[in-house]
């Protein structure tokens, strides 16, 4: 199969980041959200880099950051894990997750691209932006 045999779909993604001390504006990338409308997929991949977070703020609530990441992953998974968002479409859940917020764990700006495989694209973005 060559590149011309692949159905490409547009996708949107955002980096999830931690800003332990909002007043300083320093952040650590924690994960990537990816929404592919054509494949009806909402995916997340996250990582908790404790040493990096502690370097920015030795008093950061690591357990709180971990809970926030689990919540994001649950909303992406949908179903009962999504809580009140369980009945929402993947697109609605993506919009809710990427809405600007002033919290320690927050989304970055939304970007777009084209992919033939949402999971493979998520892995590529995670390696490039987080790992």
N, C-alpha and C. Protein backbone atom coordinates (compact mmCIF):
# COMPACT_ATOMS: atom_id res chain seq x y z
N UNK A 1 0.85 -1.18 0.00
CA UNK A 1 0.00 0.00 0.00
C UNK A 1 0.89 1.24 0.00
N UNK A 2 0.64 2.13 -0.90
CA UNK A 2 1.42 3.37 -0.89
C UNK A 2 0.59 4.50 -0.31
N UNK A 3 1.20 5.62 -0.20
CA UNK A 3 0.59 6.80 0.44
C UNK A 3 -0.72 7.22 -0.22
N UNK A 4 -0.87 6.94 -1.50
CA UNK A 4 -2.07 7.36 -2.23
C UNK A 4 -3.26 6.46 -1.93
N UNK A 5 -3.03 5.28 -1.31
CA UNK A 5 -4.11 4.36 -0.97
C UNK A 5 -4.68 4.64 0.42
N UNK A 6 -4.12 5.58 1.14
CA UNK A 6 -4.54 5.87 2.51
C UNK A 6 -5.58 6.99 2.50
N UNK A 7 -6.64 6.79 3.27
CA UNK A 7 -7.62 7.86 3.47
C UNK A 7 -7.10 8.78 4.57
N UNK A 8 -6.85 10.02 4.22
CA UNK A 8 -6.38 10.98 5.21
C UNK A 8 -7.57 11.74 5.79
N UNK A 9 -7.47 12.01 7.09
CA UNK A 9 -8.51 12.73 7.81
C UNK A 9 -7.86 13.90 8.53
N UNK A 10 -8.61 14.98 8.65
CA UNK A 10 -8.10 16.10 9.43
C UNK A 10 -8.22 15.74 10.91
N UNK A 11 -7.31 16.29 11.68
CA UNK A 11 -7.35 16.08 13.13
C UNK A 11 -6.95 17.38 13.81
N UNK A 12 -7.28 17.45 15.08
CA UNK A 12 -6.90 18.56 15.92
C UNK A 12 -6.19 17.98 17.13
N UNK A 13 -5.21 18.71 17.62
CA UNK A 13 -4.54 18.24 18.83
C UNK A 13 -4.16 19.42 19.71
N UNK A 14 -3.95 19.10 20.97
CA UNK A 14 -3.47 20.10 21.93
C UNK A 14 -2.55 19.40 22.91
N UNK A 15 -1.52 20.10 23.32
CA UNK A 15 -0.62 19.61 24.35
C UNK A 15 -1.25 19.91 25.71
N UNK A 16 -1.22 18.94 26.60
CA UNK A 16 -1.64 19.16 27.98
C UNK A 16 -0.37 19.49 28.76
N UNK A 17 -0.43 20.54 29.52
CA UNK A 17 0.76 20.98 30.23
C UNK A 17 0.44 21.28 31.69
N UNK A 18 1.48 21.28 32.48
CA UNK A 18 1.35 21.66 33.88
C UNK A 18 2.05 23.00 34.06
N UNK A 19 1.39 23.89 34.74
CA UNK A 19 1.95 25.20 35.07
C UNK A 19 1.88 25.29 36.60
N UNK A 20 2.89 24.72 37.28
CA UNK A 20 2.81 24.62 38.74
C UNK A 20 2.71 25.96 39.45
N UNK A 21 3.35 26.97 38.89
CA UNK A 21 3.27 28.32 39.48
C UNK A 21 2.81 29.26 38.38
N UNK A 22 1.51 29.44 38.33
CA UNK A 22 0.90 30.20 37.23
C UNK A 22 1.53 31.59 37.09
N UNK A 23 1.90 32.19 38.21
CA UNK A 23 2.47 33.55 38.15
C UNK A 23 3.81 33.58 37.42
N UNK A 24 4.52 32.45 37.37
CA UNK A 24 5.81 32.41 36.66
C UNK A 24 5.65 32.03 35.19
N UNK A 25 4.57 31.35 34.84
CA UNK A 25 4.31 30.99 33.45
C UNK A 25 5.14 29.83 32.93
N UNK A 26 5.95 29.19 33.78
CA UNK A 26 6.76 28.05 33.32
C UNK A 26 5.89 26.81 33.25
N UNK A 27 6.13 25.98 32.22
CA UNK A 27 5.30 24.80 32.07
C UNK A 27 6.12 23.57 31.68
N UNK A 28 5.49 22.43 31.92
CA UNK A 28 6.04 21.13 31.53
C UNK A 28 4.95 20.42 30.73
N UNK A 29 5.30 19.90 29.56
CA UNK A 29 4.34 19.17 28.76
C UNK A 29 4.08 17.80 29.39
N UNK A 30 2.80 17.48 29.56
CA UNK A 30 2.40 16.24 30.20
C UNK A 30 1.74 15.25 29.26
N UNK A 31 1.25 15.70 28.14
CA UNK A 31 0.55 14.79 27.25
C UNK A 31 0.01 15.48 26.03
N UNK A 32 -0.70 14.68 25.23
CA UNK A 32 -1.30 15.17 23.99
C UNK A 32 -2.73 14.64 23.90
N UNK A 33 -3.64 15.52 23.51
CA UNK A 33 -5.01 15.14 23.16
C UNK A 33 -5.10 15.20 21.64
N UNK A 34 -5.77 14.22 21.04
CA UNK A 34 -5.94 14.22 19.59
C UNK A 34 -7.38 13.85 19.27
N UNK A 35 -8.02 14.68 18.47
CA UNK A 35 -9.39 14.43 18.02
C UNK A 35 -9.39 14.34 16.51
N UNK A 36 -9.86 13.20 15.99
CA UNK A 36 -9.98 12.99 14.55
C UNK A 36 -11.46 12.78 14.23
N UNK A 37 -12.07 13.80 13.69
CA UNK A 37 -13.51 13.76 13.40
C UNK A 37 -13.85 12.66 12.41
N UNK A 38 -13.04 12.51 11.36
CA UNK A 38 -13.32 11.51 10.32
C UNK A 38 -13.26 10.08 10.82
N UNK A 39 -12.48 9.85 11.85
CA UNK A 39 -12.38 8.51 12.44
C UNK A 39 -13.15 8.43 13.76
N UNK A 40 -13.84 9.53 14.12
CA UNK A 40 -14.57 9.62 15.39
C UNK A 40 -13.74 9.11 16.56
N UNK A 41 -12.52 9.63 16.66
CA UNK A 41 -11.59 9.21 17.71
C UNK A 41 -11.19 10.40 18.55
N UNK A 42 -11.19 10.20 19.85
CA UNK A 42 -10.63 11.16 20.80
C UNK A 42 -9.65 10.37 21.65
N UNK A 43 -8.38 10.72 21.53
CA UNK A 43 -7.32 9.96 22.18
C UNK A 43 -6.49 10.86 23.07
N UNK A 44 -5.90 10.26 24.08
CA UNK A 44 -4.98 10.99 24.96
C UNK A 44 -3.83 10.07 25.31
N UNK A 45 -2.68 10.67 25.44
CA UNK A 45 -1.50 9.97 25.97
C UNK A 45 -0.82 10.94 26.91
N UNK A 46 -0.55 10.47 28.14
CA UNK A 46 0.01 11.37 29.15
C UNK A 46 1.20 10.74 29.85
N UNK A 47 1.94 11.60 30.53
CA UNK A 47 3.12 11.21 31.29
C UNK A 47 3.23 12.17 32.46
N UNK A 48 3.63 11.66 33.62
CA UNK A 48 3.82 12.51 34.79
C UNK A 48 5.32 12.59 35.10
N UNK A 49 6.00 13.62 34.57
CA UNK A 49 7.44 13.79 34.79
C UNK A 49 7.70 14.47 36.14
N UNK A 50 7.66 13.67 37.20
CA UNK A 50 7.73 14.21 38.57
C UNK A 50 8.96 15.10 38.78
N UNK A 51 10.11 14.66 38.33
CA UNK A 51 11.34 15.43 38.57
C UNK A 51 11.27 16.82 37.92
N UNK A 52 10.74 16.90 36.70
CA UNK A 52 10.62 18.20 36.03
C UNK A 52 9.65 19.11 36.77
N UNK A 53 8.53 18.55 37.21
CA UNK A 53 7.56 19.36 37.94
C UNK A 53 8.13 19.86 39.26
N UNK A 54 8.82 18.98 39.97
CA UNK A 54 9.41 19.37 41.25
C UNK A 54 10.52 20.40 41.07
N UNK A 55 11.21 20.37 39.93
CA UNK A 55 12.24 21.36 39.66
C UNK A 55 11.63 22.76 39.50
N UNK A 56 10.42 22.82 38.95
CA UNK A 56 9.75 24.12 38.80
C UNK A 56 9.10 24.58 40.10
N UNK A 57 8.61 23.61 40.88
CA UNK A 57 7.95 23.96 42.14
C UNK A 57 8.04 22.76 43.09
N UNK A 58 8.94 22.83 44.07
CA UNK A 58 9.10 21.71 45.01
C UNK A 58 7.84 21.40 45.82
N UNK A 59 6.86 22.30 45.80
CA UNK A 59 5.64 22.06 46.57
C UNK A 59 4.46 21.64 45.68
N UNK A 60 4.72 21.35 44.41
CA UNK A 60 3.63 20.99 43.49
C UNK A 60 2.89 19.75 44.03
N UNK A 61 1.60 19.74 43.85
CA UNK A 61 0.75 18.63 44.28
C UNK A 61 0.77 17.55 43.20
N UNK A 62 1.74 16.64 43.30
CA UNK A 62 1.89 15.59 42.29
C UNK A 62 0.66 14.69 42.22
N UNK A 63 0.08 14.38 43.37
CA UNK A 63 -1.13 13.54 43.39
C UNK A 63 -2.28 14.25 42.68
N UNK A 64 -2.39 15.55 42.87
CA UNK A 64 -3.43 16.33 42.20
C UNK A 64 -3.23 16.35 40.69
N UNK A 65 -1.98 16.50 40.26
CA UNK A 65 -1.69 16.49 38.82
C UNK A 65 -2.02 15.11 38.25
N UNK A 66 -1.66 14.05 38.96
CA UNK A 66 -1.96 12.69 38.50
C UNK A 66 -3.47 12.48 38.39
N UNK A 67 -4.25 12.99 39.36
CA UNK A 67 -5.71 12.88 39.30
C UNK A 67 -6.26 13.62 38.08
N UNK A 68 -5.72 14.80 37.82
CA UNK A 68 -6.18 15.58 36.66
C UNK A 68 -5.90 14.82 35.36
N UNK A 69 -4.74 14.19 35.26
CA UNK A 69 -4.41 13.42 34.05
C UNK A 69 -5.34 12.22 33.90
N UNK A 70 -5.62 11.53 34.99
CA UNK A 70 -6.56 10.39 34.93
C UNK A 70 -7.94 10.87 34.50
N UNK A 71 -8.35 12.05 34.98
CA UNK A 71 -9.63 12.61 34.57
C UNK A 71 -9.69 12.90 33.09
N UNK A 72 -8.62 13.48 32.57
CA UNK A 72 -8.54 13.77 31.14
C UNK A 72 -8.62 12.48 30.34
N UNK A 73 -7.88 11.47 30.76
CA UNK A 73 -7.90 10.18 30.05
C UNK A 73 -9.29 9.56 30.10
N UNK A 74 -9.99 9.70 31.24
CA UNK A 74 -11.34 9.18 31.36
C UNK A 74 -12.32 9.87 30.43
N UNK A 75 -12.22 11.19 30.34
CA UNK A 75 -13.10 11.94 29.43
C UNK A 75 -12.82 11.53 27.99
N UNK A 76 -11.57 11.32 27.65
CA UNK A 76 -11.24 10.89 26.28
C UNK A 76 -11.80 9.50 25.99
N UNK A 77 -11.72 8.60 26.96
CA UNK A 77 -12.20 7.23 26.77
C UNK A 77 -13.71 7.18 26.56
N UNK A 78 -14.42 8.13 27.14
CA UNK A 78 -15.87 8.14 27.02
C UNK A 78 -16.50 7.11 27.95
N UNK A 79 -17.77 6.87 27.76
CA UNK A 79 -18.49 5.92 28.61
C UNK A 79 -18.51 6.37 30.05
N UNK A 80 -18.67 5.42 30.98
CA UNK A 80 -18.76 5.78 32.40
C UNK A 80 -17.53 6.53 32.92
N UNK A 81 -16.36 6.26 32.33
CA UNK A 81 -15.13 6.94 32.77
C UNK A 81 -15.17 8.44 32.51
N UNK A 82 -16.05 8.88 31.61
CA UNK A 82 -16.14 10.31 31.26
C UNK A 82 -17.01 11.10 32.23
N UNK A 83 -17.64 10.42 33.17
CA UNK A 83 -18.47 11.13 34.14
C UNK A 83 -19.61 11.87 33.46
N UNK A 84 -19.83 13.14 33.82
CA UNK A 84 -20.94 13.91 33.24
C UNK A 84 -20.83 14.08 31.72
N UNK A 85 -19.66 13.91 31.16
CA UNK A 85 -19.47 14.07 29.71
C UNK A 85 -19.72 12.76 28.96
N UNK A 86 -20.17 11.72 29.65
CA UNK A 86 -20.34 10.39 29.04
C UNK A 86 -21.23 10.42 27.81
N UNK A 87 -22.26 11.24 27.81
CA UNK A 87 -23.18 11.28 26.67
C UNK A 87 -22.75 12.20 25.55
N UNK A 88 -21.66 12.91 25.74
CA UNK A 88 -21.20 13.85 24.72
C UNK A 88 -20.46 13.12 23.60
N UNK A 89 -20.43 13.74 22.42
CA UNK A 89 -19.68 13.19 21.30
C UNK A 89 -18.18 13.39 21.55
N UNK A 90 -17.33 12.67 20.84
CA UNK A 90 -15.89 12.91 20.98
C UNK A 90 -15.51 14.37 20.71
N UNK A 91 -16.14 14.99 19.73
CA UNK A 91 -15.85 16.40 19.44
C UNK A 91 -16.23 17.32 20.58
N UNK A 92 -17.37 17.08 21.19
CA UNK A 92 -17.79 17.90 22.33
C UNK A 92 -16.83 17.72 23.50
N UNK A 93 -16.40 16.48 23.73
CA UNK A 93 -15.46 16.22 24.83
C UNK A 93 -14.12 16.89 24.55
N UNK A 94 -13.67 16.88 23.30
CA UNK A 94 -12.41 17.54 22.94
C UNK A 94 -12.52 19.04 23.19
N UNK A 95 -13.62 19.65 22.78
CA UNK A 95 -13.80 21.09 22.98
C UNK A 95 -13.81 21.43 24.48
N UNK A 96 -14.44 20.59 25.29
CA UNK A 96 -14.47 20.84 26.73
C UNK A 96 -13.06 20.72 27.31
N UNK A 97 -12.33 19.69 26.89
CA UNK A 97 -10.97 19.49 27.42
C UNK A 97 -10.00 20.58 26.98
N UNK A 98 -10.22 21.18 25.83
CA UNK A 98 -9.28 22.19 25.32
C UNK A 98 -9.73 23.62 25.60
N UNK A 99 -10.82 23.77 26.32
CA UNK A 99 -11.25 25.13 26.70
C UNK A 99 -10.20 25.75 27.62
N UNK A 100 -9.86 27.01 27.40
CA UNK A 100 -8.85 27.66 28.25
C UNK A 100 -9.26 27.62 29.71
N UNK A 101 -8.28 27.40 30.57
CA UNK A 101 -8.54 27.40 32.01
C UNK A 101 -7.29 27.86 32.73
N UNK A 102 -7.51 28.40 33.90
CA UNK A 102 -6.40 28.82 34.75
C UNK A 102 -6.30 27.81 35.88
N UNK A 103 -5.53 26.79 35.66
CA UNK A 103 -5.33 25.71 36.63
C UNK A 103 -3.91 25.20 36.45
N UNK A 104 -3.47 24.36 37.34
CA UNK A 104 -2.12 23.80 37.21
C UNK A 104 -2.03 22.96 35.94
N UNK A 105 -3.03 22.11 35.69
CA UNK A 105 -3.06 21.30 34.46
C UNK A 105 -4.00 22.00 33.49
N UNK A 106 -3.48 22.33 32.31
CA UNK A 106 -4.26 23.09 31.34
C UNK A 106 -3.87 22.72 29.92
N UNK A 107 -4.77 22.96 28.96
CA UNK A 107 -4.45 22.68 27.57
C UNK A 107 -3.69 23.83 26.94
N UNK A 108 -2.86 23.49 25.97
CA UNK A 108 -2.23 24.51 25.15
C UNK A 108 -3.16 24.81 23.98
N UNK A 109 -2.70 25.61 23.04
CA UNK A 109 -3.52 25.94 21.88
C UNK A 109 -3.80 24.71 21.02
N UNK A 110 -4.89 24.77 20.29
CA UNK A 110 -5.28 23.68 19.39
C UNK A 110 -4.60 23.89 18.04
N UNK A 111 -4.04 22.81 17.51
CA UNK A 111 -3.39 22.81 16.19
C UNK A 111 -4.06 21.75 15.33
N UNK A 112 -3.80 21.77 14.03
CA UNK A 112 -4.45 20.83 13.11
C UNK A 112 -3.43 20.10 12.26
N UNK A 113 -3.89 19.04 11.60
CA UNK A 113 -3.06 18.29 10.68
C UNK A 113 -3.90 17.28 9.93
N UNK A 114 -3.23 16.44 9.15
CA UNK A 114 -3.87 15.36 8.40
C UNK A 114 -3.20 14.04 8.78
N UNK A 115 -3.99 12.98 8.90
CA UNK A 115 -3.44 11.68 9.24
C UNK A 115 -4.28 10.57 8.63
N UNK A 116 -3.64 9.46 8.38
CA UNK A 116 -4.33 8.25 7.97
C UNK A 116 -4.55 7.32 9.14
N UNK A 117 -3.89 7.59 10.26
CA UNK A 117 -3.97 6.71 11.43
C UNK A 117 -3.86 7.57 12.69
N UNK A 118 -4.98 7.77 13.38
CA UNK A 118 -5.01 8.66 14.54
C UNK A 118 -4.08 8.17 15.66
N UNK A 119 -4.08 6.88 15.92
CA UNK A 119 -3.24 6.36 17.01
C UNK A 119 -1.75 6.53 16.69
N UNK A 120 -1.38 6.29 15.46
CA UNK A 120 0.02 6.47 15.07
C UNK A 120 0.41 7.95 15.15
N UNK A 121 -0.49 8.82 14.77
CA UNK A 121 -0.21 10.26 14.85
C UNK A 121 -0.07 10.70 16.30
N UNK A 122 -0.92 10.17 17.18
CA UNK A 122 -0.80 10.49 18.60
C UNK A 122 0.56 10.07 19.13
N UNK A 123 0.99 8.87 18.77
CA UNK A 123 2.31 8.38 19.22
C UNK A 123 3.43 9.29 18.71
N UNK A 124 3.34 9.73 17.46
CA UNK A 124 4.36 10.61 16.89
C UNK A 124 4.39 11.95 17.62
N UNK A 125 3.22 12.54 17.84
CA UNK A 125 3.15 13.82 18.53
C UNK A 125 3.64 13.71 19.96
N UNK A 126 3.29 12.64 20.64
CA UNK A 126 3.73 12.43 22.02
C UNK A 126 5.26 12.37 22.08
N UNK A 127 5.87 11.61 21.19
CA UNK A 127 7.33 11.49 21.17
C UNK A 127 7.98 12.84 20.88
N UNK A 128 7.41 13.60 19.97
CA UNK A 128 7.98 14.88 19.56
C UNK A 128 7.78 15.96 20.62
N UNK A 129 6.64 15.97 21.31
CA UNK A 129 6.28 17.09 22.16
C UNK A 129 6.37 16.83 23.66
N UNK A 130 6.39 15.56 24.07
CA UNK A 130 6.31 15.26 25.49
C UNK A 130 7.48 14.41 25.98
N UNK A 131 7.71 13.30 25.35
CA UNK A 131 8.71 12.33 25.85
C UNK A 131 10.12 12.88 25.85
